PDB file of N, CA and C in Angstrom:
ATOM      1  N   MET A   1     152.193 131.795 133.700  1.00  0.00           N
ATOM      2  CA  MET A   1     151.361 131.932 134.888  1.00  0.00           C
ATOM      3  C   MET A   1     150.675 130.856 135.377  1.00  0.00           C
ATOM      4  N   LYS A   2     150.860 130.449 136.682  1.00  0.00           N
ATOM      5  CA  LYS A   2     150.328 129.090 137.302  1.00  0.00           C
ATOM      6  C   LYS A   2     148.716 129.181 137.389  1.00  0.00           C
ATOM      7  N   LYS A   3     148.089 128.033 137.332  1.00  0.00           N
ATOM      8  CA  LYS A   3     146.717 128.290 137.234  1.00  0.00           C
ATOM      9  C   LYS A   3     146.020 128.735 138.676  1.00  0.00           C
ATOM     10  N   GLY A   4     146.902 128.175 139.777  1.00  0.00           N
ATOM     11  CA  GLY A   4     146.268 129.051 140.943  1.00  0.00           C
ATOM     12  C   GLY A   4     146.432 130.253 141.282  1.00  0.00           C
ATOM     13  N   VAL A   5     147.464 130.810 140.637  1.00  0.00           N
ATOM     14  CA  VAL A   5     147.655 132.515 140.631  1.00  0.00           C
ATOM     15  C   VAL A   5     146.681 133.044 139.857  1.00  0.00           C
ATOM     16  N   ALA A   6     146.415 132.646 138.599  1.00  0.00           N
ATOM     17  CA  ALA A   6     145.704 133.232 137.648  1.00  0.00           C
ATOM     18  C   ALA A   6     144.129 133.125 138.376  1.00  0.00           C
ATOM     19  N   LEU A   7     143.764 132.106 139.109  1.00  0.00           N
ATOM     20  CA  LEU A   7     142.378 131.954 139.586  1.00  0.00           C
ATOM     21  C   LEU A   7     142.320 132.971 140.652  1.00  0.00           C
ATOM     22  N   THR A   8     143.145 133.294 141.410  1.00  0.00           N
ATOM     23  CA  THR A   8     143.242 134.134 142.513  1.00  0.00           C
ATOM     24  C   THR A   8     143.139 135.573 142.233  1.00  0.00           C
ATOM     25  N   LEU A   9     143.729 136.115 140.920  1.00  0.00           N
ATOM     26  CA  LEU A   9     143.942 137.227 140.547  1.00  0.00           C
ATOM     27  C   LEU A   9     142.607 138.253 140.593  1.00  0.00           C
ATOM     28  N   PRO A  10     141.510 137.615 140.064  1.00  0.00           N
ATOM     29  CA  PRO A  10     140.018 138.468 140.087  1.00  0.00           C
ATOM     30  C   PRO A  10     139.651 138.753 141.894  1.00  0.00           C
ATOM     31  N   TYR A  11     140.027 138.000 142.623  1.00  0.00           N
ATOM     32  CA  TYR A  11     139.642 138.175 143.837  1.00  0.00           C
ATOM     33  C   TYR A  11     140.528 139.275 144.666  1.00  0.00           C
ATOM     34  N   VAL A  12     142.060 139.097 144.215  1.00  0.00           N
ATOM     35  CA  VAL A  12     142.741 140.164 144.663  1.00  0.00           C
ATOM     36  C   VAL A  12     142.653 141.329 144.093  1.00  0.00           C
ATOM     37  N   ALA A  13     142.098 141.465 142.827  1.00  0.00           N
ATOM     38  CA  ALA A  13     141.539 142.708 142.305  1.00  0.00           C
ATOM     39  C   ALA A  13     140.473 143.513 143.174  1.00  0.00           C
ATOM     40  N   ILE A  14     139.653 142.530 143.776  1.00  0.00           N
ATOM     41  CA  ILE A  14     138.465 143.268 144.493  1.00  0.00           C
ATOM     42  C   ILE A  14     139.072 143.723 145.773  1.00  0.00           C
ATOM     43  N   LEU A  15     140.104 142.980 146.281  1.00  0.00           N
ATOM     44  CA  LEU A  15     140.519 143.556 147.308  1.00  0.00           C
ATOM     45  C   LEU A  15     141.492 144.645 147.277  1.00  0.00           C
ATOM     46  N   VAL A  16     142.007 144.750 146.052  1.00  0.00           N
ATOM     47  CA  VAL A  16     142.630 146.095 145.702  1.00  0.00           C
ATOM     48  C   VAL A  16     141.545 147.474 145.794  1.00  0.00           C
ATOM     49  N   ILE A  17     140.780 147.176 145.035  1.00  0.00           N
ATOM     50  CA  ILE A  17     139.791 148.248 144.960  1.00  0.00           C
ATOM     51  C   ILE A  17     138.966 148.376 146.468  1.00  0.00           C
ATOM     52  N   ASP A  18     138.819 147.407 147.176  1.00  0.00           N
ATOM     53  CA  ASP A  18     138.363 147.612 148.514  1.00  0.00           C
ATOM     54  C   ASP A  18     139.368 148.509 149.446  1.00  0.00           C
ATOM     55  N   PHE A  19     140.558 148.140 149.236  1.00  0.00           N
ATOM     56  CA  PHE A  19     141.563 148.774 150.261  1.00  0.00           C
ATOM     57  C   PHE A  19     142.061 149.910 149.788  1.00  0.00           C
ATOM     58  N   TYR A  20     142.308 149.970 148.422  1.00  0.00           N
ATOM     59  CA  TYR A  20     143.036 151.278 147.949  1.00  0.00           C
ATOM     60  C   TYR A  20     142.009 152.541 147.440  1.00  0.00           C
ATOM     61  N   LEU A  21     140.953 151.871 146.782  1.00  0.00           N
ATOM     62  CA  LEU A  21     140.316 152.837 146.001  1.00  0.00           C
ATOM     63  C   LEU A  21     139.005 153.459 146.901  1.00  0.00           C
ATOM     64  N   LEU A  22     138.209 152.629 147.790  1.00  0.00           N
ATOM     65  CA  LEU A  22     137.115 152.784 148.600  1.00  0.00           C
ATOM     66  C   LEU A  22     137.633 153.976 149.723  1.00  0.00           C
ATOM     67  N   PRO A  23     138.743 154.015 150.099  1.00  0.00           N
ATOM     68  CA  PRO A  23     138.870 155.099 151.034  1.00  0.00           C
ATOM     69  C   PRO A  23     138.861 156.733 150.578  1.00  0.00           C
ATOM     70  N   PHE A  24     139.057 156.717 149.359  1.00  0.00           N
ATOM     71  CA  PHE A  24     138.994 157.679 148.476  1.00  0.00           C
ATOM     72  C   PHE A  24     137.391 158.396 148.355  1.00  0.00           C
ATOM     73  N   LEU A  25     136.511 157.698 148.590  1.00  0.00           N
ATOM     74  CA  LEU A  25     135.015 158.036 148.762  1.00  0.00           C
ATOM     75  C   LEU A  25     134.543 158.511 150.184  1.00  0.00           C
ATOM     76  N   ALA A  26     135.503 158.519 151.147  1.00  0.00           N
ATOM     77  CA  ALA A  26     135.356 158.797 152.368  1.00  0.00           C
ATOM     78  C   ALA A  26     135.671 160.385 152.626  1.00  0.00           C
ATOM     79  N   LYS A  27     134.423 161.066 152.941  1.00  0.00           N
ATOM     80  CA  LYS A  27     134.763 162.602 153.134  1.00  0.00           C
ATOM     81  C   LYS A  27     135.181 162.947 154.391  1.00  0.00           C
ATOM     82  N   ASP A  28     134.438 162.373 155.502  1.00  0.00           N
ATOM     83  CA  ASP A  28     135.022 162.793 156.959  1.00  0.00           C
ATOM     84  C   ASP A  28     135.179 161.624 157.611  1.00  0.00           C
ATOM     85  N   THR A  29     135.473 161.593 158.980  1.00  0.00           N
ATOM     86  CA  THR A  29     135.999 160.680 159.775  1.00  0.00           C
ATOM     87  C   THR A  29     134.665 159.442 159.933  1.00  0.00           C
ATOM     88  N   GLY A  30     133.635 160.091 160.187  1.00  0.00           N
ATOM     89  CA  GLY A  30     132.578 159.258 160.174  1.00  0.00           C
ATOM     90  C   GLY A  30     132.332 158.358 159.062  1.00  0.00           C
ATOM     91  N   THR A  31     132.419 158.766 157.905  1.00  0.00           N
ATOM     92  CA  THR A  31     132.332 157.980 156.680  1.00  0.00           C
ATOM     93  C   THR A  31     133.441 157.022 156.728  1.00  0.00           C
ATOM     94  N   ALA A  32     134.543 157.233 156.986  1.00  0.00           N
ATOM     95  CA  ALA A  32     135.898 156.746 156.919  1.00  0.00           C
ATOM     96  C   ALA A  32     135.602 155.539 158.001  1.00  0.00           C
ATOM     97  N   MET A  33     135.213 155.568 159.123  1.00  0.00           N
ATOM     98  CA  MET A  33     134.994 154.677 160.130  1.00  0.00           C
ATOM     99  C   MET A  33     133.829 153.901 159.781  1.00  0.00           C
ATOM    100  N   LEU A  34     132.780 154.254 159.011  1.00  0.00           N
ATOM    101  CA  LEU A  34     131.774 153.335 158.413  1.00  0.00           C
ATOM    102  C   LEU A  34     132.456 152.349 157.459  1.00  0.00           C
ATOM    103  N   PHE A  35     133.396 153.000 156.436  1.00  0.00           N
ATOM    104  CA  PHE A  35     133.921 151.957 155.528  1.00  0.00           C
ATOM    105  C   PHE A  35     134.905 150.907 156.134  1.00  0.00           C
ATOM    106  N   MET A  36     135.548 151.530 157.364  1.00  0.00           N
ATOM    107  CA  MET A  36     136.630 150.435 157.807  1.00  0.00           C
ATOM    108  C   MET A  36     135.762 149.555 158.685  1.00  0.00           C
ATOM    109  N   LEU A  37     135.055 149.584 159.119  1.00  0.00           N
ATOM    110  CA  LEU A  37     134.265 148.707 160.310  1.00  0.00           C
ATOM    111  C   LEU A  37     133.184 148.039 159.623  1.00  0.00           C
ATOM    112  N   CYS A  38     132.555 148.488 158.609  1.00  0.00           N
ATOM    113  CA  CYS A  38     131.414 147.634 157.903  1.00  0.00           C
ATOM    114  C   CYS A  38     131.864 147.183 156.503  1.00  0.00           C
ATOM    115  N   ILE A  39     131.896 148.200 155.608  1.00  0.00           N
ATOM    116  CA  ILE A  39     131.611 148.096 154.278  1.00  0.00           C
ATOM    117  C   ILE A  39     132.895 147.357 153.721  1.00  0.00           C
ATOM    118  N   MET A  40     134.235 147.735 154.076  1.00  0.00           N
ATOM    119  CA  MET A  40     135.634 147.154 153.632  1.00  0.00           C
ATOM    120  C   MET A  40     135.578 145.623 154.180  1.00  0.00           C
ATOM    121  N   PRO A  41     135.288 145.397 155.464  1.00  0.00           N
ATOM    122  CA  PRO A  41     135.435 144.049 155.801  1.00  0.00           C
ATOM    123  C   PRO A  41     134.001 143.264 155.233  1.00  0.00           C
ATOM    124  N   LEU A  42     133.184 143.761 154.979  1.00  0.00           N
ATOM    125  CA  LEU A  42     132.081 142.744 154.121  1.00  0.00           C
ATOM    126  C   LEU A  42     132.370 142.698 152.868  1.00  0.00           C
ATOM    127  N   ILE A  43     132.878 143.583 152.181  1.00  0.00           N
ATOM    128  CA  ILE A  43     133.567 143.378 150.828  1.00  0.00           C
ATOM    129  C   ILE A  43     134.635 142.109 150.790  1.00  0.00           C
ATOM    130  N   ALA A  44     135.353 142.260 151.910  1.00  0.00           N
ATOM    131  CA  ALA A  44     136.524 141.440 151.969  1.00  0.00           C
ATOM    132  C   ALA A  44     136.027 139.826 152.114  1.00  0.00           C
ATOM    133  N   VAL A  45     135.042 139.919 153.200  1.00  0.00           N
ATOM    134  CA  VAL A  45     134.452 138.587 153.421  1.00  0.00           C
ATOM    135  C   VAL A  45     133.838 138.044 152.350  1.00  0.00           C
ATOM    136  N   VAL A  46     132.835 138.636 151.601  1.00  0.00           N
ATOM    137  CA  VAL A  46     132.114 138.168 150.465  1.00  0.00           C
ATOM    138  C   VAL A  46     133.138 137.943 149.408  1.00  0.00           C
ATOM    139  N   SER A  47     134.140 138.586 149.068  1.00  0.00           N
ATOM    140  CA  SER A  47     135.272 138.076 148.054  1.00  0.00           C
ATOM    141  C   SER A  47     135.918 136.674 148.466  1.00  0.00           C
ATOM    142  N   SER A  48     136.195 136.711 149.766  1.00  0.00           N
ATOM    143  CA  SER A  48     136.825 135.404 150.155  1.00  0.00           C
ATOM    144  C   SER A  48     135.995 134.046 150.333  1.00  0.00           C
ATOM    145  N   ILE A  49     134.598 134.353 150.467  1.00  0.00           N
ATOM    146  CA  ILE A  49     133.777 133.232 150.582  1.00  0.00           C
ATOM    147  C   ILE A  49     133.507 133.027 149.102  1.00  0.00           C
ATOM    148  N   ALA A  50     133.605 133.933 148.275  1.00  0.00           N
ATOM    149  CA  ALA A  50     133.459 133.510 146.598  1.00  0.00           C
ATOM    150  C   ALA A  50     134.684 132.669 146.218  1.00  0.00           C
ATOM    151  N   TYR A  51     135.965 133.179 146.953  1.00  0.00           N
ATOM    152  CA  TYR A  51     137.276 132.442 146.489  1.00  0.00           C
ATOM    153  C   TYR A  51     137.151 131.019 146.943  1.00  0.00           C
ATOM    154  N   GLY A  52     136.816 130.970 148.115  1.00  0.00           N
ATOM    155  CA  GLY A  52     136.836 129.743 148.795  1.00  0.00           C
ATOM    156  C   GLY A  52     135.780 128.752 148.208  1.00  0.00           C
ATOM    157  N   ALA A  53     134.823 129.307 147.720  1.00  0.00           N
ATOM    158  CA  ALA A  53     133.667 128.462 147.077  1.00  0.00           C
ATOM    159  C   ALA A  53     134.213 127.960 145.469  1.00  0.00           C
ATOM    160  N   ARG A  54     135.062 128.778 144.965  1.00  0.00           N
ATOM    161  CA  ARG A  54     135.699 128.435 143.665  1.00  0.00           C
ATOM    162  C   ARG A  54     136.960 127.717 143.605  1.00  0.00           C
ATOM    163  N   ASN A  55     137.892 127.860 144.827  1.00  0.00           N
ATOM    164  CA  ASN A  55     139.052 127.248 144.865  1.00  0.00           C
ATOM    165  C   ASN A  55     139.361 126.696 145.825  1.00  0.00           C
ATOM    166  N   GLY A  56     138.233 126.354 146.938  1.00  0.00           N
ATOM    167  CA  GLY A  56     138.606 125.519 148.135  1.00  0.00           C
ATOM    168  C   GLY A  56     139.482 126.616 149.089  1.00  0.00           C
ATOM    169  N   PHE A  57     139.854 125.818 149.906  1.00  0.00           N
ATOM    170  CA  PHE A  57     140.456 126.716 151.254  1.00  0.00           C
ATOM    171  C   PHE A  57     141.992 126.619 150.870  1.00  0.00           C
ATOM    172  N   HIS A  58     142.675 127.881 151.053  1.00  0.00           N
ATOM    173  CA  HIS A  58     143.981 128.064 150.509  1.00  0.00           C
ATOM    174  C   HIS A  58     144.483 129.445 151.744  1.00  0.00           C
ATOM    175  N   ILE A  59     145.561 129.138 152.254  1.00  0.00           N
ATOM    176  CA  ILE A  59     145.825 130.515 153.132  1.00  0.00           C
ATOM    177  C   ILE A  59     146.227 131.446 152.210  1.00  0.00           C
ATOM    178  N   VAL A  60     146.437 131.279 150.988  1.00  0.00           N
ATOM    179  CA  VAL A  60     147.041 132.222 149.985  1.00  0.00           C
ATOM    180  C   VAL A  60     146.185 133.805 149.930  1.00  0.00           C
ATOM    181  N   PHE A  61     145.001 133.341 150.180  1.00  0.00           N
ATOM    182  CA  PHE A  61     144.085 134.579 149.873  1.00  0.00           C
ATOM    183  C   PHE A  61     143.946 135.389 151.213  1.00  0.00           C
ATOM    184  N   PRO A  62     143.946 134.707 152.369  1.00  0.00           N
ATOM    185  CA  PRO A  62     143.898 135.667 153.696  1.00  0.00           C
ATOM    186  C   PRO A  62     145.595 136.366 153.725  1.00  0.00           C
ATOM    187  N   VAL A  63     146.466 135.886 153.452  1.00  0.00           N
ATOM    188  CA  VAL A  63     147.881 136.267 153.599  1.00  0.00           C
ATOM    189  C   VAL A  63     147.917 137.442 152.523  1.00  0.00           C
ATOM    190  N   ALA A  64     147.345 137.118 151.461  1.00  0.00           N
ATOM    191  CA  ALA A  64     147.293 138.521 150.457  1.00  0.00           C
ATOM    192  C   ALA A  64     146.616 139.885 150.827  1.00  0.00           C
ATOM    193  N   ALA A  65     145.473 139.138 151.623  1.00  0.00           N
ATOM    194  CA  ALA A  65     144.739 140.455 152.335  1.00  0.00           C
ATOM    195  C   ALA A  65     145.367 141.153 153.265  1.00  0.00           C
ATOM    196  N   VAL A  66     146.101 140.519 153.990  1.00  0.00           N
ATOM    197  CA  VAL A  66     146.994 141.216 154.930  1.00  0.00           C
ATOM    198  C   VAL A  66     148.190 141.949 154.158  1.00  0.00           C
ATOM    199  N   LEU A  67     148.934 141.347 153.369  1.00  0.00           N
ATOM    200  CA  LEU A  67     149.830 142.045 152.653  1.00  0.00           C
ATOM    201  C   LEU A  67     149.389 143.205 151.810  1.00  0.00           C
ATOM    202  N   LEU A  68     148.077 143.153 151.499  1.00  0.00           N
ATOM    203  CA  LEU A  68     147.704 144.323 150.371  1.00  0.00           C
ATOM    204  C   LEU A  68     147.147 145.327 151.399  1.00  0.00           C
ATOM    205  N   PHE A  69     146.900 145.097 152.539  1.00  0.00           N
ATOM    206  CA  PHE A  69     146.374 146.088 153.343  1.00  0.00           C
ATOM    207  C   PHE A  69     147.528 147.182 154.182  1.00  0.00           C
ATOM    208  N   ILE A  70     148.542 146.305 154.451  1.00  0.00           N
ATOM    209  CA  ILE A  70     149.565 147.035 155.189  1.00  0.00           C
ATOM    210  C   ILE A  70     150.109 148.137 154.400  1.00  0.00           C
ATOM    211  N   PRO A  71     150.089 148.233 153.091  1.00  0.00           N
ATOM    212  CA  PRO A  71     150.760 149.713 152.434  1.00  0.00           C
ATOM    213  C   PRO A  71     149.706 150.746 152.728  1.00  0.00           C
ATOM    214  N   THR A  72     148.284 150.119 152.856  1.00  0.00           N
ATOM    215  CA  THR A  72     147.285 151.306 153.143  1.00  0.00           C
ATOM    216  C   THR A  72     147.388 152.147 154.306  1.00  0.00           C
ATOM    217  N   ILE A  73     147.858 151.495 155.303  1.00  0.00           N
ATOM    218  CA  ILE A  73     148.118 151.889 156.581  1.00  0.00           C
ATOM    219  C   ILE A  73     148.816 153.353 156.628  1.00  0.00           C
ATOM    220  N   PHE A  74     149.982 153.475 155.667  1.00  0.00           N
ATOM    221  CA  PHE A  74     150.948 154.600 155.527  1.00  0.00           C
ATOM    222  C   PHE A  74     150.260 155.359 154.314  1.00  0.00           C
ATOM    223  N   ILE A  75     149.237 154.923 153.601  1.00  0.00           N
ATOM    224  CA  ILE A  75     148.893 155.779 152.240  1.00  0.00           C
ATOM    225  C   ILE A  75     147.486 156.520 152.731  1.00  0.00           C
ATOM    226  N   HIS A  76     146.587 155.662 153.497  1.00  0.00           N
ATOM    227  CA  HIS A  76     145.415 156.339 153.737  1.00  0.00           C
ATOM    228  C   HIS A  76     145.003 156.731 155.280  1.00  0.00           C
ATOM    229  N   TYR A  77     145.702 155.860 156.282  1.00  0.00           N
ATOM    230  CA  TYR A  77     145.535 156.045 157.563  1.00  0.00           C
ATOM    231  C   TYR A  77     146.691 156.408 158.181  1.00  0.00           C
ATOM    232  N   ASN A  78     146.646 155.795 159.398  1.00  0.00           N
ATOM    233  CA  ASN A  78     147.990 156.102 160.483  1.00  0.00           C
ATOM    234  C   ASN A  78     148.406 154.808 161.158  1.00  0.00           C
ATOM    235  N   ILE A  79     149.561 154.573 161.626  1.00  0.00           N
ATOM    236  CA  ILE A  79     149.861 153.606 162.370  1.00  0.00           C
ATOM    237  C   ILE A  79     148.827 152.894 163.146  1.00  0.00           C
ATOM    238  N   SER A  80     148.122 153.513 163.675  1.00  0.00           N
ATOM    239  CA  SER A  80     146.949 152.876 164.506  1.00  0.00           C
ATOM    240  C   SER A  80     146.251 151.965 163.871  1.00  0.00           C
ATOM    241  N   ALA A  81     146.131 152.066 162.455  1.00  0.00           N
ATOM    242  CA  ALA A  81     145.144 151.429 161.676  1.00  0.00           C
ATOM    243  C   ALA A  81     145.665 149.792 161.575  1.00  0.00           C
ATOM    244  N   TRP A  82     146.960 149.323 161.872  1.00  0.00           N
ATOM    245  CA  TRP A  82     147.551 147.922 161.765  1.00  0.00           C
ATOM    246  C   TRP A  82     146.858 146.957 162.328  1.00  0.00           C
ATOM    247  N   VAL A  83     145.902 147.181 163.423  1.00  0.00           N
ATOM    248  CA  VAL A  83     144.953 146.163 163.930  1.00  0.00           C
ATOM    249  C   VAL A  83     144.110 145.789 162.769  1.00  0.00           C
ATOM    250  N   TYR A  84     143.748 146.736 161.649  1.00  0.00           N
ATOM    251  CA  TYR A  84     142.572 146.436 160.816  1.00  0.00           C
ATOM    252  C   TYR A  84     143.317 145.216 159.825  1.00  0.00           C
ATOM    253  N   ALA A  85     144.653 145.162 159.676  1.00  0.00           N
ATOM    254  CA  ALA A  85     145.303 144.075 158.666  1.00  0.00           C
ATOM    255  C   ALA A  85     144.930 142.923 159.233  1.00  0.00           C
ATOM    256  N   ILE A  86     145.031 142.794 160.672  1.00  0.00           N
ATOM    257  CA  ILE A  86     144.754 141.400 161.142  1.00  0.00           C
ATOM    258  C   ILE A  86     143.235 141.186 160.998  1.00  0.00           C
ATOM    259  N   VAL A  87     142.324 142.226 161.461  1.00  0.00           N
ATOM    260  CA  VAL A  87     140.912 142.046 161.253  1.00  0.00           C
ATOM    261  C   VAL A  87     140.623 141.452 159.941  1.00  0.00           C
ATOM    262  N   TYR A  88     141.006 142.119 158.915  1.00  0.00           N
ATOM    263  CA  TYR A  88     141.026 141.661 157.617  1.00  0.00           C
ATOM    264  C   TYR A  88     141.259 140.311 157.102  1.00  0.00           C
ATOM    265  N   GLY A  89     142.525 140.036 157.667  1.00  0.00           N
ATOM    266  CA  GLY A  89     143.349 138.708 157.617  1.00  0.00           C
ATOM    267  C   GLY A  89     142.175 137.514 158.249  1.00  0.00           C
ATOM    268  N   VAL A  90     141.797 137.805 159.328  1.00  0.00           N
ATOM    269  CA  VAL A  90     140.947 136.949 159.989  1.00  0.00           C
ATOM    270  C   VAL A  90     139.406 136.817 159.300  1.00  0.00           C
ATOM    271  N   ALA A  91     139.060 137.955 159.156  1.00  0.00           N
ATOM    272  CA  ALA A  91     137.918 137.833 158.091  1.00  0.00           C
ATOM    273  C   ALA A  91     137.925 137.133 156.784  1.00  0.00           C
ATOM    274  N   THR A  92     138.970 137.325 155.848  1.00  0.00           N
ATOM    275  CA  THR A  92     139.227 136.457 154.962  1.00  0.00           C
ATOM    276  C   THR A  92     139.302 135.059 155.224  1.00  0.00           C
ATOM    277  N   LEU A  93     140.204 134.779 156.277  1.00  0.00           N
ATOM    278  CA  LEU A  93     140.383 133.476 156.561  1.00  0.00           C
ATOM    279  C   LEU A  93     139.014 132.577 156.839  1.00  0.00           C
ATOM    280  N   VAL A  94     138.109 133.575 157.558  1.00  0.00           N
ATOM    281  CA  VAL A  94     136.686 132.757 157.934  1.00  0.00           C
ATOM    282  C   VAL A  94     136.192 132.576 156.433  1.00  0.00           C
ATOM    283  N   GLY A  95     136.122 133.701 156.047  1.00  0.00           N
ATOM    284  CA  GLY A  95     135.262 133.626 154.858  1.00  0.00           C
ATOM    285  C   GLY A  95     136.005 132.662 153.553  1.00  0.00           C
ATOM    286  N   THR A  96     136.824 132.477 153.571  1.00  0.00           N
ATOM    287  CA  THR A  96     137.583 131.220 152.746  1.00  0.00           C
ATOM    288  C   THR A  96     137.296 130.070 153.256  1.00  0.00           C
ATOM    289  N   GLY A  97     137.276 129.637 154.605  1.00  0.00           N
ATOM    290  CA  GLY A  97     136.765 128.571 155.225  1.00  0.00           C
ATOM    291  C   GLY A  97     135.255 128.232 154.925  1.00  0.00           C
ATOM    292  N   ILE A  98     134.498 129.264 154.947  1.00  0.00           N
ATOM    293  CA  ILE A  98     132.996 129.105 154.628  1.00  0.00           C
ATOM    294  C   ILE A  98     132.775 128.911 153.284  1.00  0.00           C
ATOM    295  N   GLY A  99     133.471 129.538 152.345  1.00  0.00           N
ATOM    296  CA  GLY A  99     133.449 129.169 150.708  1.00  0.00           C
ATOM    297  C   GLY A  99     133.978 127.873 150.515  1.00  0.00           C
ATOM    298  N   ALA A 100     134.918 127.163 151.415  1.00  0.00           N
ATOM    299  CA  ALA A 100     135.581 125.916 151.011  1.00  0.00           C
ATOM    300  C   ALA A 100     134.290 124.999 151.214  1.00  0.00           C
ATOM    301  N   ILE A 101     133.524 125.303 152.116  1.00  0.00           N
ATOM    302  CA  ILE A 101     132.472 124.465 152.438  1.00  0.00           C
ATOM    303  C   ILE A 101     131.617 124.085 151.389  1.00  0.00           C
ATOM    304  N   PHE A 102     131.251 125.032 150.752  1.00  0.00           N
ATOM    305  CA  PHE A 102     130.535 124.995 149.212  1.00  0.00           C
ATOM    306  C   PHE A 102     131.196 124.494 148.196  1.00  0.00           C
ATOM    307  N   TYR A 103     132.532 124.691 148.243  1.00  0.00           N
ATOM    308  CA  TYR A 103     133.595 124.011 147.132  1.00  0.00           C
ATOM    309  C   TYR A 103     133.400 122.312 147.164  1.00  0.00           C
ATOM    310  N   LYS A 104     133.388 121.970 148.454  1.00  0.00           N
ATOM    311  CA  LYS A 104     133.311 120.371 148.730  1.00  0.00           C
ATOM    312  C   LYS A 104     132.005 119.984 148.462  1.00  0.00           C
ATOM    313  N   LYS A 105     130.962 120.630 148.425  1.00  0.00           N
ATOM    314  CA  LYS A 105     129.668 120.223 147.868  1.00  0.00           C
ATOM    315  C   LYS A 105     129.402 120.135 146.374  1.00  0.00           C
ATOM    316  N   ARG A 106     130.329 120.689 145.727  1.00  0.00           N
ATOM    317  CA  ARG A 106     130.201 120.869 144.193  1.00  0.00           C
ATOM    318  C   ARG A 106     130.422 119.704 143.572  1.00  0.00           C
TER     319      ARG A 106
END
């Protein structure tokens, strides 16, 4: 396994938990919207900041976030949730960039 892939796996695991397991905790539409609009993006941004601080800026993590979210559209939501794939991609892109600032200071 390449070193870059091994360093990315813990952060991708956080996204998998965020995107695939967290929606099971939503009991109603209001809770689901709270998760999708606040909690899930926050977890994605925090994990991407941690990733960027540890590994610097790489486009791999935001792309992984988008690719990981796409199947959840069909598992947990409906086709109207496709816009969240872009939202999570942009959020992780920004988070990785913020984390990369701290990487350069190390």
